[in-house]
Amino acid sequence: MPHIADTRGILRENLSDAGCDLEMIEQFMTLVEQGNREEGLALLAKHRKRLLDCCHAEQKKLDCLDYLVYQMNKQGKKPSRF
């Protein structure tokens, strides 16, 4: 764990915890060090969108599974068609 005064280390750790790979971390750090704050924010927004898309895909899988369980429970009250 980085020392509290190590803002670069803390930033790197935060990016890593957010699922950023080493290449993205380096790219972000370079942008920030060069004063390209807007490009850095755009990079983070792009990564956030990817993470959210993954969440939505996983949610769809859960919904499908829940529907299957619902249908099987519903069928349990009638003669089985499986």
N, C-alpha and C. Protein backbone atom coordinates (compact mmCIF):
# COMPACT_ATOMS: atom_id res chain seq x y z
N MET A 1 0.86 -1.18 0.00
CA MET A 1 0.00 0.00 0.00
C MET A 1 0.90 1.24 0.00
N PRO A 2 0.60 2.19 -0.87
CA PRO A 2 1.43 3.40 -0.93
C PRO A 2 1.27 4.26 0.31
N HIS A 3 2.32 5.01 0.62
CA HIS A 3 2.29 5.95 1.73
C HIS A 3 1.29 7.06 1.40
N ILE A 4 0.64 7.62 2.40
CA ILE A 4 -0.39 8.65 2.22
C ILE A 4 0.12 9.85 1.41
N ALA A 5 1.41 10.16 1.50
CA ALA A 5 1.97 11.29 0.76
C ALA A 5 2.30 10.92 -0.68
N ASP A 6 2.22 9.64 -1.02
CA ASP A 6 2.54 9.16 -2.36
C ASP A 6 1.29 9.23 -3.24
N THR A 7 0.96 10.43 -3.72
CA THR A 7 -0.27 10.60 -4.51
C THR A 7 -0.22 9.82 -5.82
N ARG A 8 0.95 9.73 -6.44
CA ARG A 8 1.07 8.95 -7.67
C ARG A 8 0.78 7.47 -7.39
N GLY A 9 1.33 6.97 -6.30
CA GLY A 9 1.10 5.58 -5.93
C GLY A 9 -0.36 5.31 -5.61
N ILE A 10 -0.97 6.24 -4.91
CA ILE A 10 -2.39 6.11 -4.56
C ILE A 10 -3.24 6.12 -5.83
N LEU A 11 -2.91 7.01 -6.75
CA LEU A 11 -3.64 7.10 -8.01
C LEU A 11 -3.50 5.80 -8.80
N ARG A 12 -2.28 5.28 -8.88
CA ARG A 12 -2.05 4.02 -9.59
C ARG A 12 -2.85 2.88 -8.94
N GLU A 13 -2.83 2.83 -7.63
CA GLU A 13 -3.56 1.77 -6.92
C GLU A 13 -5.06 1.89 -7.17
N ASN A 14 -5.56 3.11 -7.16
CA ASN A 14 -6.98 3.33 -7.41
C ASN A 14 -7.36 2.88 -8.82
N LEU A 15 -6.54 3.22 -9.80
CA LEU A 15 -6.80 2.81 -11.17
C LEU A 15 -6.76 1.29 -11.31
N SER A 16 -5.81 0.67 -10.64
CA SER A 16 -5.71 -0.79 -10.66
C SER A 16 -6.95 -1.41 -10.01
N ASP A 17 -7.36 -0.87 -8.88
CA ASP A 17 -8.57 -1.37 -8.19
C ASP A 17 -9.82 -1.20 -9.06
N ALA A 18 -9.79 -0.20 -9.95
CA ALA A 18 -10.93 0.05 -10.84
C ALA A 18 -10.88 -0.83 -12.08
N GLY A 19 -9.89 -1.73 -12.14
CA GLY A 19 -9.83 -2.67 -13.24
C GLY A 19 -9.02 -2.22 -14.44
N CYS A 20 -8.28 -1.13 -14.28
CA CYS A 20 -7.45 -0.64 -15.38
C CYS A 20 -6.21 -1.52 -15.49
N ASP A 21 -5.84 -1.87 -16.73
CA ASP A 21 -4.62 -2.64 -16.91
C ASP A 21 -3.42 -1.70 -16.89
N LEU A 22 -2.23 -2.28 -16.88
CA LEU A 22 -1.00 -1.51 -16.75
C LEU A 22 -0.85 -0.49 -17.88
N GLU A 23 -1.21 -0.90 -19.09
CA GLU A 23 -1.11 0.01 -20.24
C GLU A 23 -2.00 1.24 -20.06
N MET A 24 -3.22 1.03 -19.61
CA MET A 24 -4.14 2.15 -19.41
C MET A 24 -3.66 3.05 -18.28
N ILE A 25 -3.14 2.44 -17.22
CA ILE A 25 -2.63 3.22 -16.09
C ILE A 25 -1.50 4.13 -16.57
N GLU A 26 -0.58 3.57 -17.34
CA GLU A 26 0.53 4.36 -17.85
C GLU A 26 0.03 5.48 -18.77
N GLN A 27 -0.92 5.15 -19.61
CA GLN A 27 -1.48 6.15 -20.52
C GLN A 27 -2.14 7.28 -19.74
N PHE A 28 -2.91 6.93 -18.73
CA PHE A 28 -3.58 7.93 -17.91
C PHE A 28 -2.57 8.81 -17.18
N MET A 29 -1.58 8.15 -16.57
CA MET A 29 -0.57 8.90 -15.82
C MET A 29 0.17 9.88 -16.73
N THR A 30 0.50 9.45 -17.94
CA THR A 30 1.18 10.33 -18.90
C THR A 30 0.30 11.51 -19.25
N LEU A 31 -0.96 11.25 -19.52
CA LEU A 31 -1.88 12.35 -19.86
C LEU A 31 -1.96 13.37 -18.73
N VAL A 32 -2.11 12.89 -17.52
CA VAL A 32 -2.24 13.78 -16.37
C VAL A 32 -0.95 14.57 -16.15
N GLU A 33 0.18 13.88 -16.25
CA GLU A 33 1.46 14.57 -16.06
C GLU A 33 1.71 15.63 -17.13
N GLN A 34 1.16 15.43 -18.32
CA GLN A 34 1.31 16.40 -19.40
C GLN A 34 0.26 17.51 -19.33
N GLY A 35 -0.61 17.43 -18.34
CA GLY A 35 -1.64 18.44 -18.17
C GLY A 35 -2.86 18.23 -19.05
N ASN A 36 -2.99 17.06 -19.63
CA ASN A 36 -4.14 16.74 -20.49
C ASN A 36 -5.27 16.14 -19.65
N ARG A 37 -5.78 16.94 -18.75
CA ARG A 37 -6.82 16.50 -17.81
C ARG A 37 -8.07 16.00 -18.54
N GLU A 38 -8.49 16.74 -19.57
CA GLU A 38 -9.71 16.37 -20.30
C GLU A 38 -9.55 15.01 -20.99
N GLU A 39 -8.39 14.77 -21.59
CA GLU A 39 -8.15 13.48 -22.23
C GLU A 39 -8.09 12.36 -21.19
N GLY A 40 -7.53 12.65 -20.03
CA GLY A 40 -7.51 11.68 -18.95
C GLY A 40 -8.91 11.33 -18.49
N LEU A 41 -9.74 12.34 -18.36
CA LEU A 41 -11.13 12.11 -17.97
C LEU A 41 -11.88 11.32 -19.04
N ALA A 42 -11.60 11.60 -20.31
CA ALA A 42 -12.23 10.87 -21.41
C ALA A 42 -11.83 9.39 -21.36
N LEU A 43 -10.56 9.13 -21.04
CA LEU A 43 -10.08 7.76 -20.92
C LEU A 43 -10.80 7.04 -19.80
N LEU A 44 -10.97 7.72 -18.67
CA LEU A 44 -11.70 7.12 -17.54
C LEU A 44 -13.17 6.88 -17.89
N ALA A 45 -13.78 7.81 -18.62
CA ALA A 45 -15.18 7.65 -19.02
C ALA A 45 -15.34 6.44 -19.94
N LYS A 46 -14.38 6.25 -20.84
CA LYS A 46 -14.42 5.12 -21.76
C LYS A 46 -14.31 3.81 -20.98
N HIS A 47 -13.42 3.77 -20.00
CA HIS A 47 -13.26 2.56 -19.17
C HIS A 47 -14.53 2.30 -18.36
N ARG A 48 -15.10 3.37 -17.83
CA ARG A 48 -16.35 3.23 -17.05
C ARG A 48 -17.46 2.64 -17.90
N LYS A 49 -17.56 3.10 -19.15
CA LYS A 49 -18.58 2.58 -20.06
C LYS A 49 -18.37 1.09 -20.31
N ARG A 50 -17.11 0.68 -20.50
CA ARG A 50 -16.82 -0.75 -20.70
C ARG A 50 -17.25 -1.56 -19.48
N LEU A 51 -16.93 -1.06 -18.29
CA LEU A 51 -17.32 -1.77 -17.07
C LEU A 51 -18.84 -1.86 -16.95
N LEU A 52 -19.52 -0.77 -17.26
CA LEU A 52 -20.97 -0.76 -17.17
C LEU A 52 -21.60 -1.71 -18.20
N ASP A 53 -21.02 -1.76 -19.41
CA ASP A 53 -21.51 -2.70 -20.42
C ASP A 53 -21.37 -4.13 -19.94
N CYS A 54 -20.26 -4.42 -19.27
CA CYS A 54 -20.06 -5.76 -18.71
C CYS A 54 -21.10 -6.06 -17.63
N CYS A 55 -21.38 -5.08 -16.79
CA CYS A 55 -22.41 -5.26 -15.75
C CYS A 55 -23.76 -5.56 -16.37
N HIS A 56 -24.10 -4.83 -17.42
CA HIS A 56 -25.39 -5.03 -18.09
C HIS A 56 -25.45 -6.42 -18.72
N ALA A 57 -24.36 -6.87 -19.32
CA ALA A 57 -24.33 -8.21 -19.91
C ALA A 57 -24.53 -9.27 -18.83
N GLU A 58 -23.87 -9.10 -17.69
CA GLU A 58 -24.02 -10.05 -16.59
C GLU A 58 -25.44 -10.00 -16.02
N GLN A 59 -26.02 -8.80 -15.95
CA GLN A 59 -27.39 -8.68 -15.46
C GLN A 59 -28.36 -9.42 -16.38
N LYS A 60 -28.12 -9.35 -17.68
CA LYS A 60 -28.98 -10.06 -18.63
C LYS A 60 -28.91 -11.56 -18.39
N LYS A 61 -27.71 -12.07 -18.11
CA LYS A 61 -27.55 -13.50 -17.82
C LYS A 61 -28.32 -13.87 -16.56
N LEU A 62 -28.24 -13.01 -15.53
CA LEU A 62 -28.98 -13.27 -14.30
C LEU A 62 -30.48 -13.27 -14.55
N ASP A 63 -30.94 -12.33 -15.36
CA ASP A 63 -32.36 -12.27 -15.69
C ASP A 63 -32.82 -13.55 -16.39
N CYS A 64 -32.01 -14.05 -17.32
CA CYS A 64 -32.35 -15.29 -18.03
C CYS A 64 -32.41 -16.47 -17.05
N LEU A 65 -31.44 -16.52 -16.16
CA LEU A 65 -31.42 -17.60 -15.17
C LEU A 65 -32.62 -17.50 -14.23
N ASP A 66 -32.94 -16.30 -13.78
CA ASP A 66 -34.10 -16.10 -12.91
C ASP A 66 -35.38 -16.53 -13.61
N TYR A 67 -35.49 -16.21 -14.90
CA TYR A 67 -36.69 -16.59 -15.65
C TYR A 67 -36.79 -18.10 -15.75
N LEU A 68 -35.67 -18.78 -16.00
CA LEU A 68 -35.67 -20.24 -16.07
C LEU A 68 -36.11 -20.84 -14.74
N VAL A 69 -35.57 -20.33 -13.64
CA VAL A 69 -35.96 -20.83 -12.31
C VAL A 69 -37.45 -20.58 -12.08
N TYR A 70 -37.92 -19.40 -12.45
CA TYR A 70 -39.34 -19.07 -12.32
C TYR A 70 -40.20 -20.07 -13.11
N GLN A 71 -39.82 -20.32 -14.35
CA GLN A 71 -40.59 -21.24 -15.19
C GLN A 71 -40.57 -22.66 -14.62
N MET A 72 -39.41 -23.09 -14.12
CA MET A 72 -39.33 -24.44 -13.55
C MET A 72 -40.17 -24.55 -12.28
N ASN A 73 -40.16 -23.51 -11.45
CA ASN A 73 -41.00 -23.52 -10.25
C ASN A 73 -42.47 -23.52 -10.61
N LYS A 74 -42.81 -22.76 -11.64
CA LYS A 74 -44.19 -22.70 -12.12
C LYS A 74 -44.62 -24.08 -12.64
N GLN A 75 -43.72 -24.74 -13.35
CA GLN A 75 -44.01 -26.07 -13.89
C GLN A 75 -44.11 -27.11 -12.78
N GLY A 76 -43.43 -26.86 -11.66
CA GLY A 76 -43.47 -27.80 -10.54
C GLY A 76 -44.86 -27.95 -9.97
N LYS A 77 -45.70 -27.00 -10.22
CA LYS A 77 -47.07 -27.05 -9.73
C LYS A 77 -48.00 -27.75 -10.70
N LYS A 78 -47.48 -28.09 -11.92
CA LYS A 78 -48.26 -28.78 -12.95
C LYS A 78 -47.47 -30.01 -13.38
N PRO A 79 -48.06 -30.86 -14.17
CA PRO A 79 -47.28 -31.99 -14.73
C PRO A 79 -46.11 -31.42 -15.55
N SER A 80 -44.97 -32.06 -15.41
CA SER A 80 -43.75 -31.57 -16.06
C SER A 80 -43.78 -31.75 -17.57
N ARG A 81 -43.28 -30.71 -18.28
CA ARG A 81 -43.14 -30.79 -19.73
C ARG A 81 -41.67 -30.90 -20.11
N PHE A 82 -40.76 -30.98 -19.15
CA PHE A 82 -39.33 -31.10 -19.45
C PHE A 82 -38.97 -32.52 -19.73
